[in-house]
Amino acid sequence: MTSQISRPIFVLGCPRSGTTLLQQMLHSHRRIAFPSETLFVHTAYAARHRFGDLERAENRRALAEWITRGRHTKFRVLELDAEDVIEEIVHGPPTLGSALATVFRAYARRHGKPRWGDKRPSYFRRVPMLRRMFPDAQFVHLVRDGRDAVSSLMRMPWFSGDIYAAALTWREAVDTGRRLGPRLGPGTFHELRYEDLVADPEYALAKLCAFLDEEYDPEMTRAYEHARRTVPSARKWHLRTHEAPNTRTVGAWRYRLDDWEASLVEHVLASRLLDHGYALSGAPRPAAAHLAKFHRIAAHRWRSRHAHAFLDLLAQAREPNPVVSLVRGPVPLPHHLEEN
């Protein structure tokens, strides 16, 4: 019998926690289509006022053209026909969430799958936005040892922050996860550790599939075969997705971080590391100057985060339309692809 499960799935976590690996695994499931990062969900939400009243077809067309042809989106990675998607959005429900869901459903349909998801590490900062548009969504939070995540993030050519910013990003991600778990409940929020995923992928993925109310698909553990075709070699920071899951980089922070960096990171993340089952190394207490700088930056981030939340509340009051997706249910598939 055909499953009626159709809830969107969003993967989030601190950058360099393995979210791309998990995205590839989920896409390898026979019922789930999970593209690479598209960049148009949060940017469309931020730009939503510029498109005006979406009850007007010309405004839906402007939104659709912005999604499919905008300079700041990655619609092209979906390999969809832009004109077809534009017309589907124009003739669809007049909400932002509906337009975005239409794109992902077209991607799922192209892959012959009834369900879709999306991945972006920074979604941990945007769960309220996602729930406004997709109130039935499920969220998967991937956690990695903060010392490994920070040491990996510091090596990325696209990361412009310093050790303080990297440590705070991990702390914000796990703190968000700790709040979301009890708030959203076990049927909506699922957390797993990167280390468990790579050490015993079958077990971790079976638990994930149970949360998603999907049967476990063994193809998920062979996601590296798909990644070799879809993850460009030029993105060297994602080349580990080309390998079978392994624990080779677990604990790599020990030789990647300088002594003072390891002391700082372990000290400021200690309680959270322990909460997630990571043992402390006993690094010495960091210098007072390093701790003071960390706390100054943390206070600034706290103020900035709350200011942005307040501004979004003001922006919500000016929305000409609801943003919730009105496109629901499993993605319709051709008869020869429907499940029995």
C-alpha atoms as a PDB file:
ATOM      1  CA  MET A   1       0.000   0.000   0.000  1.00  0.00           C
ATOM      2  CA  THR A   2       1.233   3.497  -0.827  1.00  0.00           C
ATOM      3  CA  SER A   3       2.454   5.405   2.242  1.00  0.00           C
ATOM      4  CA  GLN A   4       0.777   8.742   2.877  1.00  0.00           C
ATOM      5  CA  ILE A   5       3.698  10.185   4.854  1.00  0.00           C
ATOM      6  CA  SER A   6       4.575  13.477   3.190  1.00  0.00           C
ATOM      7  CA  ARG A   7       5.930  15.799   5.889  1.00  0.00           C
ATOM      8  CA  PRO A   8       8.891  17.919   4.742  1.00  0.00           C
ATOM      9  CA  ILE A   9      12.217  17.054   6.380  1.00  0.00           C
ATOM     10  CA  PHE A  10      14.789  19.677   7.357  1.00  0.00           C
ATOM     11  CA  VAL A  11      18.350  18.794   8.368  1.00  0.00           C
ATOM     12  CA  LEU A  12      20.226  21.300  10.508  1.00  0.00           C
ATOM     13  CA  GLY A  13      23.304  21.531  12.696  1.00  0.00           C
ATOM     14  CA  CYS A  14      26.518  23.415  13.218  1.00  0.00           C
ATOM     15  CA  PRO A  15      28.471  23.695   9.945  1.00  0.00           C
ATOM     16  CA  ARG A  16      31.020  20.870   9.522  1.00  0.00           C
ATOM     17  CA  SER A  17      28.932  18.444  11.557  1.00  0.00           C
ATOM     18  CA  GLY A  18      28.250  16.004   8.720  1.00  0.00           C
ATOM     19  CA  THR A  19      25.002  17.462   7.398  1.00  0.00           C
ATOM     20  CA  THR A  20      26.045  16.949   3.760  1.00  0.00           C
ATOM     21  CA  LEU A  21      26.759  13.284   4.468  1.00  0.00           C
ATOM     22  CA  LEU A  22      23.331  12.937   6.069  1.00  0.00           C
ATOM     23  CA  GLN A  23      21.677  14.734   3.156  1.00  0.00           C
ATOM     24  CA  GLN A  24      23.242  12.267   0.733  1.00  0.00           C
ATOM     25  CA  MET A  25      22.078   9.354   2.875  1.00  0.00           C
ATOM     26  CA  LEU A  26      18.519  10.638   2.994  1.00  0.00           C
ATOM     27  CA  HIS A  27      18.462  11.233  -0.754  1.00  0.00           C
ATOM     28  CA  SER A  28      19.506   7.611  -1.243  1.00  0.00           C
ATOM     29  CA  HIS A  29      16.258   6.482   0.406  1.00  0.00           C
ATOM     30  CA  ARG A  30      13.830   5.232  -2.225  1.00  0.00           C
ATOM     31  CA  ARG A  31      11.045   7.558  -1.034  1.00  0.00           C
ATOM     32  CA  ILE A  32      12.910  10.755  -0.153  1.00  0.00           C
ATOM     33  CA  ALA A  33      14.344  13.405  -2.489  1.00  0.00           C
ATOM     34  CA  PHE A  34      16.951  15.566  -0.765  1.00  0.00           C
ATOM     35  CA  PRO A  35      18.854  18.090  -2.920  1.00  0.00           C
ATOM     36  CA  SER A  36      22.110  19.868  -2.212  1.00  0.00           C
ATOM     37  CA  GLU A  37      21.838  23.297  -0.627  1.00  0.00           C
ATOM     38  CA  THR A  38      19.652  25.527  -2.788  1.00  0.00           C
ATOM     39  CA  LEU A  39      19.933  28.812  -0.820  1.00  0.00           C
ATOM     40  CA  PHE A  40      16.498  30.084  -1.863  1.00  0.00           C
ATOM     41  CA  VAL A  41      14.351  29.207   1.162  1.00  0.00           C
ATOM     42  CA  HIS A  42      15.724  31.654   3.714  1.00  0.00           C
ATOM     43  CA  THR A  43      16.536  34.292   1.085  1.00  0.00           C
ATOM     44  CA  ALA A  44      13.001  34.142  -0.347  1.00  0.00           C
ATOM     45  CA  TYR A  45      11.591  34.541   3.146  1.00  0.00           C
ATOM     46  CA  ALA A  46      13.838  37.551   3.800  1.00  0.00           C
ATOM     47  CA  ALA A  47      12.770  39.123   0.468  1.00  0.00           C
ATOM     48  CA  ARG A  48       9.075  38.228   0.742  1.00  0.00           C
ATOM     49  CA  HIS A  49       7.789  41.783   1.030  1.00  0.00           C
ATOM     50  CA  ARG A  50       9.211  42.852  -2.304  1.00  0.00           C
ATOM     51  CA  PHE A  51       6.787  40.588  -4.191  1.00  0.00           C
ATOM     52  CA  GLY A  52       3.639  42.190  -2.796  1.00  0.00           C
ATOM     53  CA  ASP A  53       0.226  40.546  -2.746  1.00  0.00           C
ATOM     54  CA  LEU A  54       0.615  36.985  -4.019  1.00  0.00           C
ATOM     55  CA  GLU A  55      -3.094  36.811  -4.797  1.00  0.00           C
ATOM     56  CA  ARG A  56      -2.024  38.595  -7.986  1.00  0.00           C
ATOM     57  CA  ALA A  57      -0.675  36.226 -10.623  1.00  0.00           C
ATOM     58  CA  GLU A  58       1.946  38.707 -11.815  1.00  0.00           C
ATOM     59  CA  ASN A  59       3.426  38.841  -8.316  1.00  0.00           C
ATOM     60  CA  ARG A  60       3.551  35.049  -8.086  1.00  0.00           C
ATOM     61  CA  ARG A  61       5.349  35.093 -11.427  1.00  0.00           C
ATOM     62  CA  ALA A  62       7.874  37.636 -10.149  1.00  0.00           C
ATOM     63  CA  LEU A  63       8.521  35.441  -7.105  1.00  0.00           C
ATOM     64  CA  ALA A  64       8.868  32.330  -9.273  1.00  0.00           C
ATOM     65  CA  GLU A  65      11.326  34.044 -11.603  1.00  0.00           C
ATOM     66  CA  TRP A  66      13.325  35.290  -8.631  1.00  0.00           C
ATOM     67  CA  ILE A  67      13.554  31.743  -7.220  1.00  0.00           C
ATOM     68  CA  THR A  68      14.465  30.117 -10.525  1.00  0.00           C
ATOM     69  CA  ARG A  69      16.690  32.831 -11.997  1.00  0.00           C
ATOM     70  CA  GLY A  70      17.891  34.947  -9.084  1.00  0.00           C
ATOM     71  CA  ARG A  71      21.617  35.538  -8.761  1.00  0.00           C
ATOM     72  CA  HIS A  72      21.618  34.526  -5.105  1.00  0.00           C
ATOM     73  CA  THR A  73      19.867  31.160  -5.392  1.00  0.00           C
ATOM     74  CA  LYS A  74      21.105  27.772  -6.557  1.00  0.00           C
ATOM     75  CA  PHE A  75      17.981  26.627  -8.355  1.00  0.00           C
ATOM     76  CA  ARG A  76      20.198  25.228 -11.103  1.00  0.00           C
ATOM     77  CA  VAL A  77      21.437  22.397  -8.845  1.00  0.00           C
ATOM     78  CA  LEU A  78      17.938  20.907  -9.011  1.00  0.00           C
ATOM     79  CA  GLU A  79      18.208  20.447 -12.788  1.00  0.00           C
ATOM     80  CA  LEU A  80      14.556  21.370 -13.283  1.00  0.00           C
ATOM     81  CA  ASP A  81      12.956  23.194 -16.192  1.00  0.00           C
ATOM     82  CA  ALA A  82      12.596  26.765 -14.930  1.00  0.00           C
ATOM     83  CA  GLU A  83       9.644  27.590 -17.192  1.00  0.00           C
ATOM     84  CA  ASP A  84       7.680  24.568 -15.984  1.00  0.00           C
ATOM     85  CA  VAL A  85       8.325  25.453 -12.345  1.00  0.00           C
ATOM     86  CA  ILE A  86       7.392  29.100 -12.908  1.00  0.00           C
ATOM     87  CA  GLU A  87       4.056  28.122 -14.432  1.00  0.00           C
ATOM     88  CA  GLU A  88       3.349  25.676 -11.619  1.00  0.00           C
ATOM     89  CA  ILE A  89       3.983  28.395  -9.026  1.00  0.00           C
ATOM     90  CA  VAL A  90       1.861  30.939 -10.931  1.00  0.00           C
ATOM     91  CA  HIS A  91      -1.064  28.510 -11.015  1.00  0.00           C
ATOM     92  CA  GLY A  92      -0.563  27.389  -7.428  1.00  0.00           C
ATOM     93  CA  PRO A  93      -1.756  28.746  -4.059  1.00  0.00           C
ATOM     94  CA  PRO A  94      -0.856  32.390  -3.290  1.00  0.00           C
ATOM     95  CA  THR A  95       1.599  31.917  -0.419  1.00  0.00           C
ATOM     96  CA  LEU A  96       5.380  31.924  -0.167  1.00  0.00           C
ATOM     97  CA  GLY A  97       5.476  28.488   1.450  1.00  0.00           C
ATOM     98  CA  SER A  98       3.381  27.086  -1.401  1.00  0.00           C
ATOM     99  CA  ALA A  99       5.800  28.452  -3.990  1.00  0.00           C
ATOM    100  CA  LEU A 100       8.798  26.926  -2.223  1.00  0.00           C
ATOM    101  CA  ALA A 101       7.039  23.603  -1.692  1.00  0.00           C
ATOM    102  CA  THR A 102       6.168  23.544  -5.402  1.00  0.00           C
ATOM    103  CA  VAL A 103       9.872  23.689  -6.285  1.00  0.00           C
ATOM    104  CA  PHE A 104      10.835  20.863  -3.943  1.00  0.00           C
ATOM    105  CA  ARG A 105       7.890  18.759  -5.027  1.00  0.00           C
ATOM    106  CA  ALA A 106       8.961  19.185  -8.648  1.00  0.00           C
ATOM    107  CA  TYR A 107      12.426  17.968  -7.643  1.00  0.00           C
ATOM    108  CA  ALA A 108      10.948  14.964  -5.831  1.00  0.00           C
ATOM    109  CA  ARG A 109       8.719  14.191  -8.825  1.00  0.00           C
ATOM    110  CA  ARG A 110      11.746  14.293 -11.124  1.00  0.00           C
ATOM    111  CA  HIS A 111      13.374  11.621  -8.957  1.00  0.00           C
ATOM    112  CA  GLY A 112      10.215   9.540  -8.718  1.00  0.00           C
ATOM    113  CA  LYS A 113       9.852  10.039  -4.963  1.00  0.00           C
ATOM    114  CA  PRO A 114       6.794  11.105  -2.938  1.00  0.00           C
ATOM    115  CA  ARG A 115       8.606  13.051  -0.222  1.00  0.00           C
ATOM    116  CA  TRP A 116      11.125  15.885  -0.067  1.00  0.00           C
ATOM    117  CA  GLY A 117      13.571  17.503   2.317  1.00  0.00           C
ATOM    118  CA  ASP A 118      16.092  20.316   2.466  1.00  0.00           C
ATOM    119  CA  LYS A 119      19.395  20.788   4.237  1.00  0.00           C
ATOM    120  CA  ARG A 120      21.258  23.833   5.432  1.00  0.00           C
ATOM    121  CA  PRO A 121      23.334  23.905   8.630  1.00  0.00           C
ATOM    122  CA  SER A 122      22.203  27.433   9.535  1.00  0.00           C
ATOM    123  CA  TYR A 123      18.575  26.310   9.603  1.00  0.00           C
ATOM    124  CA  PHE A 124      19.128  25.877  13.333  1.00  0.00           C
ATOM    125  CA  ARG A 125      18.756  29.666  13.459  1.00  0.00           C
ATOM    126  CA  ARG A 126      15.636  29.647  11.301  1.00  0.00           C
ATOM    127  CA  VAL A 127      13.346  26.979  12.714  1.00  0.00           C
ATOM    128  CA  PRO A 128      10.590  29.539  13.497  1.00  0.00           C
ATOM    129  CA  MET A 129      10.693  30.627   9.827  1.00  0.00           C
ATOM    130  CA  LEU A 130      10.498  27.041   8.602  1.00  0.00           C
ATOM    131  CA  ARG A 131       7.635  26.195  10.950  1.00  0.00           C
ATOM    132  CA  ARG A 132       5.687  29.232   9.792  1.00  0.00           C
ATOM    133  CA  MET A 133       5.864  27.985   6.208  1.00  0.00           C
ATOM    134  CA  PHE A 134       5.813  24.232   6.864  1.00  0.00           C
ATOM    135  CA  PRO A 135       4.040  23.597  10.195  1.00  0.00           C
ATOM    136  CA  ASP A 136       3.989  19.828   9.629  1.00  0.00           C
ATOM    137  CA  ALA A 137       7.750  19.589   9.005  1.00  0.00           C
ATOM    138  CA  GLN A 138      10.097  17.217  10.794  1.00  0.00           C
ATOM    139  CA  PHE A 139      13.527  18.387  11.943  1.00  0.00           C
ATOM    140  CA  VAL A 140      16.729  16.335  12.151  1.00  0.00           C
ATOM    141  CA  HIS A 141      19.568  17.835  14.186  1.00  0.00           C
ATOM    142  CA  LEU A 142      23.023  16.367  13.650  1.00  0.00           C
ATOM    143  CA  VAL A 143      25.514  16.961  16.458  1.00  0.00           C
ATOM    144  CA  ARG A 144      29.266  16.432  16.219  1.00  0.00           C
ATOM    145  CA  ASP A 145      31.917  16.762  18.939  1.00  0.00           C
ATOM    146  CA  GLY A 146      32.255  20.540  19.219  1.00  0.00           C
ATOM    147  CA  ARG A 147      36.035  20.368  19.173  1.00  0.00           C
ATOM    148  CA  ASP A 148      36.016  18.478  15.876  1.00  0.00           C
ATOM    149  CA  ALA A 149      33.351  20.725  14.366  1.00  0.00           C
ATOM    150  CA  VAL A 150      35.245  23.867  15.369  1.00  0.00           C
ATOM    151  CA  SER A 151      38.614  22.574  14.166  1.00  0.00           C
ATOM    152  CA  SER A 152      37.090  21.570  10.832  1.00  0.00           C
ATOM    153  CA  LEU A 153      35.254  24.876  10.439  1.00  0.00           C
ATOM    154  CA  MET A 154      38.492  26.795  10.988  1.00  0.00           C
ATOM    155  CA  ARG A 155      40.022  25.012   7.975  1.00  0.00           C
ATOM    156  CA  MET A 156      37.262  25.994   5.549  1.00  0.00           C
ATOM    157  CA  PRO A 157      38.118  28.548   2.831  1.00  0.00           C
ATOM    158  CA  TRP A 158      34.604  30.010   3.051  1.00  0.00           C
ATOM    159  CA  PHE A 159      34.638  30.546   6.828  1.00  0.00           C
ATOM    160  CA  SER A 160      35.636  34.100   7.679  1.00  0.00           C
ATOM    161  CA  GLY A 161      35.314  33.891  11.470  1.00  0.00           C
ATOM    162  CA  ASP A 162      37.859  33.065  14.157  1.00  0.00           C
ATOM    163  CA  ILE A 163      38.052  30.407  16.872  1.00  0.00           C
ATOM    164  CA  TYR A 164      35.662  32.386  19.081  1.00  0.00           C
ATOM    165  CA  ALA A 165      33.024  32.647  16.356  1.00  0.00           C
ATOM    166  CA  ALA A 166      33.370  28.961  15.505  1.00  0.00           C
ATOM    167  CA  ALA A 167      32.941  27.854  19.118  1.00  0.00           C
ATOM    168  CA  LEU A 168      29.925  30.125  19.575  1.00  0.00           C
ATOM    169  CA  THR A 169      28.312  28.759  16.415  1.00  0.00           C
ATOM    170  CA  TRP A 170      28.526  25.210  17.781  1.00  0.00           C
ATOM    171  CA  ARG A 171      27.219  26.334  21.162  1.00  0.00           C
ATOM    172  CA  GLU A 172      24.273  28.130  19.573  1.00  0.00           C
ATOM    173  CA  ALA A 173      23.433  25.071  17.479  1.00  0.00           C
ATOM    174  CA  VAL A 174      23.386  22.605  20.378  1.00  0.00           C
ATOM    175  CA  ASP A 175      21.547  25.063  22.642  1.00  0.00           C
ATOM    176  CA  THR A 176      18.895  25.448  19.963  1.00  0.00           C
ATOM    177  CA  GLY A 177      18.618  21.679  19.716  1.00  0.00           C
ATOM    178  CA  ARG A 178      18.219  21.391  23.475  1.00  0.00           C
ATOM    179  CA  ARG A 179      15.323  23.877  23.403  1.00  0.00           C
ATOM    180  CA  LEU A 180      13.656  22.412  20.317  1.00  0.00           C
ATOM    181  CA  GLY A 181      13.578  18.818  21.549  1.00  0.00           C
ATOM    182  CA  PRO A 182      11.019  19.246  24.332  1.00  0.00           C
ATOM    183  CA  ARG A 183       9.194  22.064  22.533  1.00  0.00           C
ATOM    184  CA  LEU A 184       8.559  20.179  19.285  1.00  0.00           C
ATOM    185  CA  GLY A 185       8.310  16.674  20.700  1.00  0.00           C
ATOM    186  CA  PRO A 186       9.685  13.281  19.625  1.00  0.00           C
ATOM    187  CA  GLY A 187       7.494  13.059  16.514  1.00  0.00           C
ATOM    188  CA  THR A 188       8.815  16.334  15.105  1.00  0.00           C
ATOM    189  CA  PHE A 189      12.411  16.666  16.325  1.00  0.00           C
ATOM    190  CA  HIS A 190      15.147  14.023  16.192  1.00  0.00           C
ATOM    191  CA  GLU A 191      18.752  14.427  17.257  1.00  0.00           C
ATOM    192  CA  LEU A 192      21.653  12.131  16.424  1.00  0.00           C
ATOM    193  CA  ARG A 193      25.416  12.257  16.743  1.00  0.00           C
ATOM    194  CA  TYR A 194      27.797  12.255  13.802  1.00  0.00           C
ATOM    195  CA  GLU A 195      30.090   9.831  15.599  1.00  0.00           C
ATOM    196  CA  ASP A 196      27.272   7.285  15.956  1.00  0.00           C
ATOM    197  CA  LEU A 197      26.245   7.778  12.342  1.00  0.00           C
ATOM    198  CA  VAL A 198      29.687   6.949  10.951  1.00  0.00           C
ATOM    199  CA  ALA A 199      30.488   4.208  13.484  1.00  0.00           C
ATOM    200  CA  ASP A 200      27.266   2.238  12.949  1.00  0.00           C
ATOM    201  CA  PRO A 201      25.335   3.808  10.063  1.00  0.00           C
ATOM    202  CA  GLU A 202      22.746   1.032   9.802  1.00  0.00           C
ATOM    203  CA  TYR A 203      21.669   1.405  13.418  1.00  0.00           C
ATOM    204  CA  ALA A 204      21.642   5.228  13.375  1.00  0.00           C
ATOM    205  CA  LEU A 205      19.765   5.376  10.067  1.00  0.00           C
ATOM    206  CA  ALA A 206      17.238   2.755  11.155  1.00  0.00           C
ATOM    207  CA  LYS A 207      16.404   4.924  14.182  1.00  0.00           C
ATOM    208  CA  LEU A 208      16.166   7.972  11.929  1.00  0.00           C
ATOM    209  CA  CYS A 209      13.821   6.180   9.545  1.00  0.00           C
ATOM    210  CA  ALA A 210      11.632   5.114  12.467  1.00  0.00           C
ATOM    211  CA  PHE A 211      11.356   8.788  13.458  1.00  0.00           C
ATOM    212  CA  LEU A 212      10.443   9.704   9.873  1.00  0.00           C
ATOM    213  CA  ASP A 213       7.882   6.860   9.821  1.00  0.00           C
ATOM    214  CA  GLU A 214       9.672   5.319   6.867  1.00  0.00           C
ATOM    215  CA  GLU A 215      11.013   1.833   6.321  1.00  0.00           C
ATOM    216  CA  TYR A 216      14.796   1.640   6.540  1.00  0.00           C
ATOM    217  CA  ASP A 217      16.435   1.493   3.117  1.00  0.00           C
ATOM    218  CA  PRO A 218      19.888  -0.202   2.974  1.00  0.00           C
ATOM    219  CA  GLU A 219      20.808   2.039   0.027  1.00  0.00           C
ATOM    220  CA  MET A 220      21.262   4.854   2.544  1.00  0.00           C
ATOM    221  CA  THR A 221      24.569   3.339   3.693  1.00  0.00           C
ATOM    222  CA  ARG A 222      25.809   3.417   0.105  1.00  0.00           C
ATOM    223  CA  ALA A 223      25.183   7.132  -0.330  1.00  0.00           C
ATOM    224  CA  TYR A 224      28.841   7.640  -1.280  1.00  0.00           C
ATOM    225  CA  GLU A 225      28.049   6.103  -4.674  1.00  0.00           C
ATOM    226  CA  HIS A 226      25.530   8.885  -5.299  1.00  0.00           C
ATOM    227  CA  ALA A 227      27.865  11.529  -3.848  1.00  0.00           C
ATOM    228  CA  ARG A 228      30.616  10.618  -6.311  1.00  0.00           C
ATOM    229  CA  ARG A 229      28.240  11.593  -9.096  1.00  0.00           C
ATOM    230  CA  THR A 230      26.721  14.699  -7.532  1.00  0.00           C
ATOM    231  CA  VAL A 231      29.258  16.292  -5.147  1.00  0.00           C
ATOM    232  CA  PRO A 232      31.924  18.084  -7.225  1.00  0.00           C
ATOM    233  CA  SER A 233      35.539  17.186  -6.487  1.00  0.00           C
ATOM    234  CA  ALA A 234      36.304  20.910  -6.462  1.00  0.00           C
ATOM    235  CA  ARG A 235      34.423  21.130  -3.158  1.00  0.00           C
ATOM    236  CA  LYS A 236      37.290  19.503  -1.311  1.00  0.00           C
ATOM    237  CA  TRP A 237      35.616  20.029   2.067  1.00  0.00           C
ATOM    238  CA  HIS A 238      32.890  17.561   1.005  1.00  0.00           C
ATOM    239  CA  LEU A 239      35.116  14.863  -0.465  1.00  0.00           C
ATOM    240  CA  ARG A 240      34.567  12.589   2.526  1.00  0.00           C
ATOM    241  CA  THR A 241      31.044  12.065   1.235  1.00  0.00           C
ATOM    242  CA  HIS A 242      32.717  10.102  -1.598  1.00  0.00           C
ATOM    243  CA  GLU A 243      33.832   7.488   0.950  1.00  0.00           C
ATOM    244  CA  ALA A 244      31.946   4.804   2.825  1.00  0.00           C
ATOM    245  CA  PRO A 245      31.108   6.052   6.359  1.00  0.00           C
ATOM    246  CA  ASN A 246      34.158   5.796   8.629  1.00  0.00           C
ATOM    247  CA  THR A 247      35.516   7.239  11.863  1.00  0.00           C
ATOM    248  CA  ARG A 248      38.864   8.402  10.528  1.00  0.00           C
ATOM    249  CA  THR A 249      38.415  12.072  11.485  1.00  0.00           C
ATOM    250  CA  VAL A 250      36.760  11.476  14.859  1.00  0.00           C
ATOM    251  CA  GLY A 251      39.047  13.205  17.374  1.00  0.00           C
ATOM    252  CA  ALA A 252      41.019  15.047  14.679  1.00  0.00           C
ATOM    253  CA  TRP A 253      40.828  18.228  16.778  1.00  0.00           C
ATOM    254  CA  ARG A 254      43.734  16.871  18.857  1.00  0.00           C
ATOM    255  CA  TYR A 255      46.204  17.632  16.049  1.00  0.00           C
ATOM    256  CA  ARG A 256      44.290  20.376  14.265  1.00  0.00           C
ATOM    257  CA  LEU A 257      43.915  22.839  17.153  1.00  0.00           C
ATOM    258  CA  ASP A 258      46.766  24.678  18.854  1.00  0.00           C
ATOM    259  CA  ASP A 259      47.015  24.042  22.584  1.00  0.00           C
ATOM    260  CA  TRP A 260      45.493  27.382  23.527  1.00  0.00           C
ATOM    261  CA  GLU A 261      42.634  26.862  21.056  1.00  0.00           C
ATOM    262  CA  ALA A 262      41.885  23.393  22.405  1.00  0.00           C
ATOM    263  CA  SER A 263      41.890  24.722  25.979  1.00  0.00           C
ATOM    264  CA  LEU A 264      39.536  27.551  25.090  1.00  0.00           C
ATOM    265  CA  VAL A 265      37.097  25.456  23.075  1.00  0.00           C
ATOM    266  CA  GLU A 266      36.938  22.619  25.590  1.00  0.00           C
ATOM    267  CA  HIS A 267      36.461  25.011  28.513  1.00  0.00           C
ATOM    268  CA  VAL A 268      33.654  27.112  27.026  1.00  0.00           C
ATOM    269  CA  LEU A 269      31.837  24.069  25.599  1.00  0.00           C
ATOM    270  CA  ALA A 270      32.551  21.649  28.470  1.00  0.00           C
ATOM    271  CA  SER A 271      29.060  21.221  29.930  1.00  0.00           C
ATOM    272  CA  ARG A 272      27.498  20.820  26.496  1.00  0.00           C
ATOM    273  CA  LEU A 273      30.133  18.330  25.383  1.00  0.00           C
ATOM    274  CA  LEU A 274      29.409  16.234  28.456  1.00  0.00           C
ATOM    275  CA  ASP A 275      25.650  16.508  27.900  1.00  0.00           C
ATOM    276  CA  HIS A 276      26.115  14.953  24.452  1.00  0.00           C
ATOM    277  CA  GLY A 277      28.373  12.160  25.660  1.00  0.00           C
ATOM    278  CA  TYR A 278      31.786  13.571  24.732  1.00  0.00           C
ATOM    279  CA  ALA A 279      34.565  13.016  27.260  1.00  0.00           C
ATOM    280  CA  LEU A 280      36.801  15.929  28.243  1.00  0.00           C
ATOM    281  CA  SER A 281      40.543  15.714  27.729  1.00  0.00           C
ATOM    282  CA  GLY A 282      41.475  17.628  30.860  1.00  0.00           C
ATOM    283  CA  ALA A 283      42.967  20.553  28.957  1.00  0.00           C
ATOM    284  CA  PRO A 284      44.234  23.364  31.217  1.00  0.00           C
ATOM    285  CA  ARG A 285      42.105  26.430  31.901  1.00  0.00           C
ATOM    286  CA  PRO A 286      42.491  28.985  29.074  1.00  0.00           C
ATOM    287  CA  ALA A 287      44.003  32.414  29.606  1.00  0.00           C
ATOM    288  CA  ALA A 288      41.725  35.008  31.176  1.00  0.00           C
ATOM    289  CA  ALA A 289      42.099  37.271  28.123  1.00  0.00           C
ATOM    290  CA  HIS A 290      40.826  34.526  25.810  1.00  0.00           C
ATOM    291  CA  LEU A 291      37.832  33.846  28.043  1.00  0.00           C
ATOM    292  CA  ALA A 292      37.012  37.537  28.316  1.00  0.00           C
ATOM    293  CA  LYS A 293      37.060  37.923  24.526  1.00  0.00           C
ATOM    294  CA  PHE A 294      34.812  34.888  24.106  1.00  0.00           C
ATOM    295  CA  HIS A 295      32.231  36.261  26.514  1.00  0.00           C
ATOM    296  CA  ARG A 296      32.294  39.725  24.894  1.00  0.00           C
ATOM    297  CA  ILE A 297      31.568  38.203  21.491  1.00  0.00           C
ATOM    298  CA  ALA A 298      28.885  35.949  23.014  1.00  0.00           C
ATOM    299  CA  ALA A 299      27.112  38.962  24.531  1.00  0.00           C
ATOM    300  CA  HIS A 300      27.223  40.806  21.212  1.00  0.00           C
ATOM    301  CA  ARG A 301      25.765  37.791  19.396  1.00  0.00           C
ATOM    302  CA  TRP A 302      22.992  37.487  21.977  1.00  0.00           C
ATOM    303  CA  ARG A 303      21.965  41.110  21.452  1.00  0.00           C
ATOM    304  CA  SER A 304      22.130  40.784  17.676  1.00  0.00           C
ATOM    305  CA  ARG A 305      20.060  37.584  17.682  1.00  0.00           C
ATOM    306  CA  HIS A 306      17.294  39.145  19.771  1.00  0.00           C
ATOM    307  CA  ALA A 307      17.301  42.310  17.664  1.00  0.00           C
ATOM    308  CA  HIS A 308      16.818  40.244  14.503  1.00  0.00           C
ATOM    309  CA  ALA A 309      13.991  38.282  16.142  1.00  0.00           C
ATOM    310  CA  PHE A 310      12.230  41.536  17.042  1.00  0.00           C
ATOM    311  CA  LEU A 311      12.655  42.912  13.524  1.00  0.00           C
ATOM    312  CA  ASP A 312      11.167  39.722  12.071  1.00  0.00           C
ATOM    313  CA  LEU A 313       8.110  40.106  14.289  1.00  0.00           C
ATOM    314  CA  LEU A 314       7.653  43.625  12.881  1.00  0.00           C
ATOM    315  CA  ALA A 315       8.108  42.263   9.358  1.00  0.00           C
ATOM    316  CA  GLN A 316       5.446  39.605   9.968  1.00  0.00           C
ATOM    317  CA  ALA A 317       2.927  42.348  10.748  1.00  0.00           C
ATOM    318  CA  ARG A 318       3.440  43.801   7.251  1.00  0.00           C
ATOM    319  CA  GLU A 319       2.978  40.555   5.299  1.00  0.00           C
ATOM    320  CA  PRO A 320       0.255  40.926   2.631  1.00  0.00           C
ATOM    321  CA  ASN A 321      -0.402  37.154   2.621  1.00  0.00           C
ATOM    322  CA  PRO A 322       0.034  34.184   4.924  1.00  0.00           C
ATOM    323  CA  VAL A 323       3.336  32.411   4.311  1.00  0.00           C
ATOM    324  CA  VAL A 324       2.163  28.886   5.179  1.00  0.00           C
ATOM    325  CA  SER A 325       2.356  26.273   2.444  1.00  0.00           C
ATOM    326  CA  LEU A 326      -1.047  25.156   1.186  1.00  0.00           C
ATOM    327  CA  VAL A 327       0.511  22.433  -0.955  1.00  0.00           C
ATOM    328  CA  ARG A 328       0.195  19.223   1.042  1.00  0.00           C
ATOM    329  CA  GLY A 329       0.141  15.481   0.625  1.00  0.00           C
ATOM    330  CA  PRO A 330       2.526  13.051  -1.082  1.00  0.00           C
ATOM    331  CA  VAL A 331       4.028  14.150  -4.381  1.00  0.00           C
ATOM    332  CA  PRO A 332       1.916  12.663  -7.203  1.00  0.00           C
ATOM    333  CA  LEU A 333       3.964  10.194  -9.230  1.00  0.00           C
ATOM    334  CA  PRO A 334       3.394   8.542 -12.611  1.00  0.00           C
ATOM    335  CA  HIS A 335       1.448   5.281 -12.270  1.00  0.00           C
ATOM    336  CA  HIS A 336       4.457   3.134 -13.139  1.00  0.00           C
ATOM    337  CA  LEU A 337       6.369   4.643 -10.185  1.00  0.00           C
ATOM    338  CA  GLU A 338       3.637   4.388  -7.567  1.00  0.00           C
ATOM    339  CA  GLU A 339       4.278   1.998  -4.693  1.00  0.00           C
ATOM    340  CA  ASN A 340       1.995  -0.951  -4.140  1.00  0.00           C
END
